[in-house]
N, C-alpha and C. Protein backbone atom coordinates (compact mmCIF):
# COMPACT_ATOMS: atom_id res chain seq x y z
N MET A 1 -52.99 -149.17 101.35
CA MET A 1 -51.64 -149.96 100.99
C MET A 1 -50.12 -148.85 100.71
N ARG A 2 -49.24 -149.40 101.84
CA ARG A 2 -48.04 -148.50 101.40
C ARG A 2 -47.22 -148.78 99.47
N LEU A 3 -46.97 -147.56 99.16
CA LEU A 3 -46.34 -147.28 97.96
C LEU A 3 -44.79 -146.87 98.77
N VAL A 4 -43.67 -147.66 98.35
CA VAL A 4 -42.79 -147.00 98.84
C VAL A 4 -41.37 -147.39 97.15
N VAL A 5 -40.69 -146.26 96.84
CA VAL A 5 -39.66 -146.03 96.25
C VAL A 5 -38.09 -145.77 96.94
N VAL A 6 -37.52 -146.82 96.43
CA VAL A 6 -35.92 -146.28 97.17
C VAL A 6 -35.06 -145.90 96.31
N ARG A 7 -34.40 -145.13 95.75
CA ARG A 7 -33.50 -144.43 94.69
C ARG A 7 -32.25 -144.70 95.36
N THR A 8 -31.11 -145.51 94.95
CA THR A 8 -29.77 -145.44 95.25
C THR A 8 -28.92 -145.15 94.01
N GLY A 9 -27.50 -144.90 94.63
CA GLY A 9 -26.74 -145.08 93.07
C GLY A 9 -26.41 -143.57 93.08
N GLY A 10 -25.91 -143.44 91.74
CA GLY A 10 -25.50 -141.76 91.18
C GLY A 10 -24.27 -141.91 91.42
N ILE A 11 -23.63 -140.64 91.40
CA ILE A 11 -22.16 -140.17 91.33
C ILE A 11 -21.67 -140.25 92.89
N ALA A 12 -22.54 -139.73 93.94
CA ALA A 12 -22.91 -139.60 95.45
C ALA A 12 -22.99 -140.42 95.95
N GLY A 13 -23.68 -141.60 95.41
CA GLY A 13 -24.22 -143.01 96.17
C GLY A 13 -25.07 -142.66 97.33
N MET A 14 -25.93 -141.76 96.93
CA MET A 14 -26.78 -141.46 98.24
C MET A 14 -28.22 -142.20 97.73
N ARG A 15 -28.63 -142.18 99.05
CA ARG A 15 -30.03 -142.99 98.78
C ARG A 15 -31.25 -141.84 99.60
N ARG A 16 -32.10 -142.39 98.36
CA ARG A 16 -33.70 -141.00 98.61
C ARG A 16 -34.57 -142.47 98.46
N THR A 17 -35.32 -142.00 99.79
CA THR A 17 -36.80 -142.85 100.21
C THR A 17 -37.92 -142.12 99.78
N TRP A 18 -38.96 -142.20 98.80
CA TRP A 18 -40.47 -141.78 98.98
C TRP A 18 -41.43 -142.60 99.24
N SER A 19 -42.28 -142.17 99.88
CA SER A 19 -43.76 -143.08 99.94
C SER A 19 -44.96 -142.70 100.08
N SER A 20 -45.68 -143.30 99.64
CA SER A 20 -47.13 -142.69 99.40
C SER A 20 -48.64 -143.78 100.01
N GLU A 21 -49.64 -143.56 100.40
CA GLU A 21 -50.40 -144.32 100.57
C GLU A 21 -51.36 -144.48 99.38
N VAL A 22 -51.51 -145.63 99.22
CA VAL A 22 -52.33 -145.56 97.68
C VAL A 22 -53.98 -146.91 98.26
N SER A 23 -54.91 -146.32 97.49
CA SER A 23 -55.72 -147.36 98.28
C SER A 23 -55.74 -148.65 97.38
N SER A 24 -56.30 -149.91 97.76
CA SER A 24 -56.01 -150.90 97.54
C SER A 24 -56.79 -150.94 96.46
N GLU A 25 -57.53 -150.81 95.76
CA GLU A 25 -58.01 -150.86 94.17
C GLU A 25 -57.00 -150.39 93.65
N GLU A 26 -56.61 -149.32 93.86
CA GLU A 26 -55.36 -148.48 93.07
C GLU A 26 -54.09 -149.59 92.90
N ALA A 27 -53.97 -150.02 94.06
CA ALA A 27 -52.81 -150.70 93.96
C ALA A 27 -53.00 -152.27 93.01
N GLU A 28 -54.23 -152.49 93.47
CA GLU A 28 -54.37 -154.21 92.78
C GLU A 28 -54.84 -153.90 90.99
N GLN A 29 -55.65 -152.81 90.73
CA GLN A 29 -55.68 -152.41 89.63
C GLN A 29 -54.40 -152.34 88.73
N ARG A 30 -53.75 -151.21 89.30
CA ARG A 30 -52.99 -150.70 88.31
C ARG A 30 -51.22 -150.99 88.33
N TRP A 31 -50.90 -150.96 89.97
CA TRP A 31 -49.51 -151.09 90.47
C TRP A 31 -48.80 -152.51 90.58
N LEU A 32 -49.90 -153.24 91.26
CA LEU A 32 -49.09 -154.91 91.46
C LEU A 32 -49.22 -155.79 90.04
N PRO A 33 -49.87 -155.45 89.44
CA PRO A 33 -50.07 -156.26 87.62
C PRO A 33 -48.25 -156.10 87.39
N LEU A 34 -48.20 -154.26 87.33
CA LEU A 34 -46.72 -153.90 86.66
C LEU A 34 -45.78 -154.55 87.63
N LEU A 35 -45.78 -155.10 88.72
CA LEU A 35 -44.21 -155.60 89.25
C LEU A 35 -44.57 -157.10 89.06
N GLN A 36 -45.87 -157.58 88.80
CA GLN A 36 -45.52 -158.73 87.64
C GLN A 36 -44.21 -158.96 86.52
N GLU A 37 -44.43 -158.22 86.09
CA GLU A 37 -43.69 -158.24 84.71
C GLU A 37 -42.68 -157.12 85.07
N PRO A 38 -41.46 -157.29 85.78
CA PRO A 38 -40.38 -155.98 85.58
C PRO A 38 -39.59 -156.24 84.33
N PRO A 39 -39.07 -155.30 83.61
CA PRO A 39 -38.26 -154.88 82.76
C PRO A 39 -36.99 -156.06 82.68
N GLU A 40 -36.61 -156.13 81.65
CA GLU A 40 -35.78 -157.41 81.63
C GLU A 40 -34.19 -156.70 81.29
N GLU A 41 -33.93 -155.41 81.11
CA GLU A 41 -33.09 -154.71 80.57
C GLU A 41 -32.00 -154.69 81.71
N PRO A 42 -30.46 -154.91 81.44
CA PRO A 42 -29.43 -155.18 82.48
C PRO A 42 -29.26 -153.85 83.24
N ALA A 43 -28.29 -154.10 84.30
CA ALA A 43 -28.50 -153.03 84.84
C ALA A 43 -27.56 -151.61 84.36
N GLY A 44 -28.07 -150.63 84.64
CA GLY A 44 -27.44 -149.30 84.06
C GLY A 44 -25.83 -149.50 84.43
N GLY A 45 -25.20 -148.37 83.60
CA GLY A 45 -23.57 -148.13 83.87
C GLY A 45 -23.59 -147.74 85.42
N GLN A 46 -21.94 -147.14 85.14
CA GLN A 46 -21.48 -146.41 86.67
C GLN A 46 -22.17 -145.31 86.76
N ASP A 47 -22.53 -145.22 87.98
CA ASP A 47 -22.97 -143.60 88.38
C ASP A 47 -24.27 -143.27 87.73
N ARG A 48 -24.91 -144.67 87.63
CA ARG A 48 -27.04 -144.74 87.50
C ARG A 48 -27.45 -145.28 88.38
N PHE A 49 -28.51 -144.38 88.45
CA PHE A 49 -29.74 -144.75 89.68
C PHE A 49 -29.93 -145.88 89.62
N THR A 50 -30.57 -147.02 90.76
CA THR A 50 -31.28 -147.89 90.47
C THR A 50 -32.37 -147.62 91.62
N TYR A 51 -33.68 -148.30 91.21
CA TYR A 51 -34.73 -148.04 91.90
C TYR A 51 -35.57 -149.50 92.74
N GLU A 52 -35.59 -149.39 93.84
CA GLU A 52 -36.22 -150.22 94.46
C GLU A 52 -37.74 -150.07 94.46
N ILE A 53 -39.01 -150.81 94.08
CA ILE A 53 -40.07 -150.53 93.84
C ILE A 53 -40.71 -151.49 94.87
N ARG A 54 -41.84 -151.01 95.77
CA ARG A 54 -42.84 -151.87 96.90
C ARG A 54 -43.93 -151.20 96.51
N VAL A 55 -44.73 -151.95 96.41
CA VAL A 55 -46.18 -151.72 96.64
C VAL A 55 -46.51 -152.98 97.86
N GLY A 56 -47.08 -152.55 98.96
CA GLY A 56 -47.57 -153.57 100.05
C GLY A 56 -46.25 -154.84 100.16
N GLN A 57 -46.39 -155.96 99.90
CA GLN A 57 -44.96 -156.79 99.99
C GLN A 57 -44.36 -157.38 98.76
N GLN A 58 -44.79 -156.73 97.63
CA GLN A 58 -44.27 -157.31 96.60
C GLN A 58 -43.40 -155.91 96.11
N ALA A 59 -42.22 -156.67 95.77
CA ALA A 59 -41.04 -155.52 95.13
C ALA A 59 -40.49 -155.76 94.03
N VAL A 60 -39.84 -154.70 93.52
CA VAL A 60 -38.65 -155.72 92.19
C VAL A 60 -37.79 -154.00 92.21
N THR A 61 -36.44 -154.61 91.68
CA THR A 61 -35.42 -153.19 91.38
C THR A 61 -34.93 -153.44 90.04
N ILE A 62 -35.20 -152.12 89.64
CA ILE A 62 -34.64 -152.22 88.46
C ILE A 62 -33.95 -150.79 88.09
N PRO A 63 -33.13 -150.77 86.83
CA PRO A 63 -32.22 -149.95 86.59
C PRO A 63 -32.82 -148.33 85.94
N GLU A 64 -32.29 -147.20 86.06
CA GLU A 64 -32.73 -146.06 85.63
C GLU A 64 -33.30 -145.78 84.25
N THR A 65 -32.39 -146.57 83.36
CA THR A 65 -33.02 -146.95 81.63
C THR A 65 -33.90 -147.35 81.73
N SER A 66 -34.67 -148.21 82.81
CA SER A 66 -36.13 -148.65 82.36
C SER A 66 -37.02 -148.02 82.93
N LEU A 67 -36.99 -146.92 83.67
CA LEU A 67 -38.04 -145.91 84.17
C LEU A 67 -38.44 -145.19 83.16
N THR A 68 -39.42 -146.05 82.42
CA THR A 68 -40.29 -145.13 81.79
C THR A 68 -41.89 -145.62 81.31
N GLY A 69 -42.45 -144.83 80.80
CA GLY A 69 -44.22 -145.59 81.02
C GLY A 69 -44.87 -145.51 82.12
N GLN A 70 -45.06 -146.53 82.47
CA GLN A 70 -45.81 -146.77 83.66
C GLN A 70 -44.83 -146.86 85.21
N TRP A 71 -43.83 -147.36 84.92
CA TRP A 71 -42.49 -147.45 85.86
C TRP A 71 -42.59 -145.99 86.35
N ARG A 72 -42.28 -145.53 85.42
CA ARG A 72 -41.95 -143.67 85.71
C ARG A 72 -43.51 -143.39 86.54
N GLU A 73 -44.27 -143.26 85.85
CA GLU A 73 -45.73 -142.58 86.67
C GLU A 73 -45.66 -143.42 88.32
N LEU A 74 -45.44 -144.75 88.14
CA LEU A 74 -45.63 -144.95 89.43
C LEU A 74 -44.09 -144.71 90.43
N VAL A 75 -43.44 -144.30 89.92
CA VAL A 75 -42.44 -143.43 90.81
C VAL A 75 -42.95 -142.46 91.07
N GLU A 76 -42.92 -141.36 90.14
CA GLU A 76 -43.54 -140.09 90.49
C GLU A 76 -45.11 -140.03 91.20
N ARG A 77 -45.94 -141.18 91.25
CA ARG A 77 -46.83 -141.31 92.46
C ARG A 77 -46.47 -141.22 93.61
N ALA A 78 -45.57 -142.02 93.90
CA ALA A 78 -44.86 -142.26 95.12
C ALA A 78 -44.11 -140.53 95.57
N ARG A 79 -43.37 -139.86 94.91
CA ARG A 79 -42.66 -138.93 94.96
C ARG A 79 -43.97 -137.63 95.26
N ASP A 80 -44.73 -137.67 94.31
CA ASP A 80 -46.11 -136.33 94.39
C ASP A 80 -47.09 -137.11 95.92
N GLY A 81 -46.94 -138.25 96.09
CA GLY A 81 -48.19 -138.16 97.14
C GLY A 81 -47.72 -138.55 98.76
N GLY A 82 -46.76 -138.33 98.86
CA GLY A 82 -46.30 -138.51 100.25
C GLY A 82 -44.91 -137.96 101.16
N GLU A 83 -44.51 -138.76 101.53
CA GLU A 83 -43.07 -138.75 102.06
C GLU A 83 -42.21 -138.27 101.41
N ALA A 84 -40.72 -137.77 101.66
CA ALA A 84 -39.81 -137.90 101.15
C ALA A 84 -38.49 -137.79 102.01
N ARG A 85 -37.51 -138.65 102.43
CA ARG A 85 -36.37 -139.35 103.31
C ARG A 85 -35.11 -139.32 102.55
N ARG A 86 -33.77 -138.46 103.09
CA ARG A 86 -32.58 -138.81 102.20
C ARG A 86 -31.68 -139.86 103.67
N ALA A 87 -31.00 -140.62 103.19
CA ALA A 87 -30.15 -140.95 104.06
C ALA A 87 -28.81 -141.04 103.93
C-alpha cells in the first residue's frame, strides 16, 4: 500500500513529497486507524508547514504543530522509506 506525505507552506511556500510502500498489514494495523482520528488543533501560523498524509485512499491534512508522536513516526516512515520529490 502506498504511503504519501506532501508538505506545503513554509517561508518559500515550497511543496515537498515523500512516498513509500508499506505492507497492507502495517497500513491496516498502524497507520489507517491513526488517520481515522486526526488531531483537532487549529492550523498553524503564517509560514508554518502543513502535511497532507495519505495511506491508500484515505487522507488527512494536519498542521506542523500537530506533528508529534505517531504522526511524526508516520511522516518519518515516508521520508526514510522511499522516494522524495520537490515541486
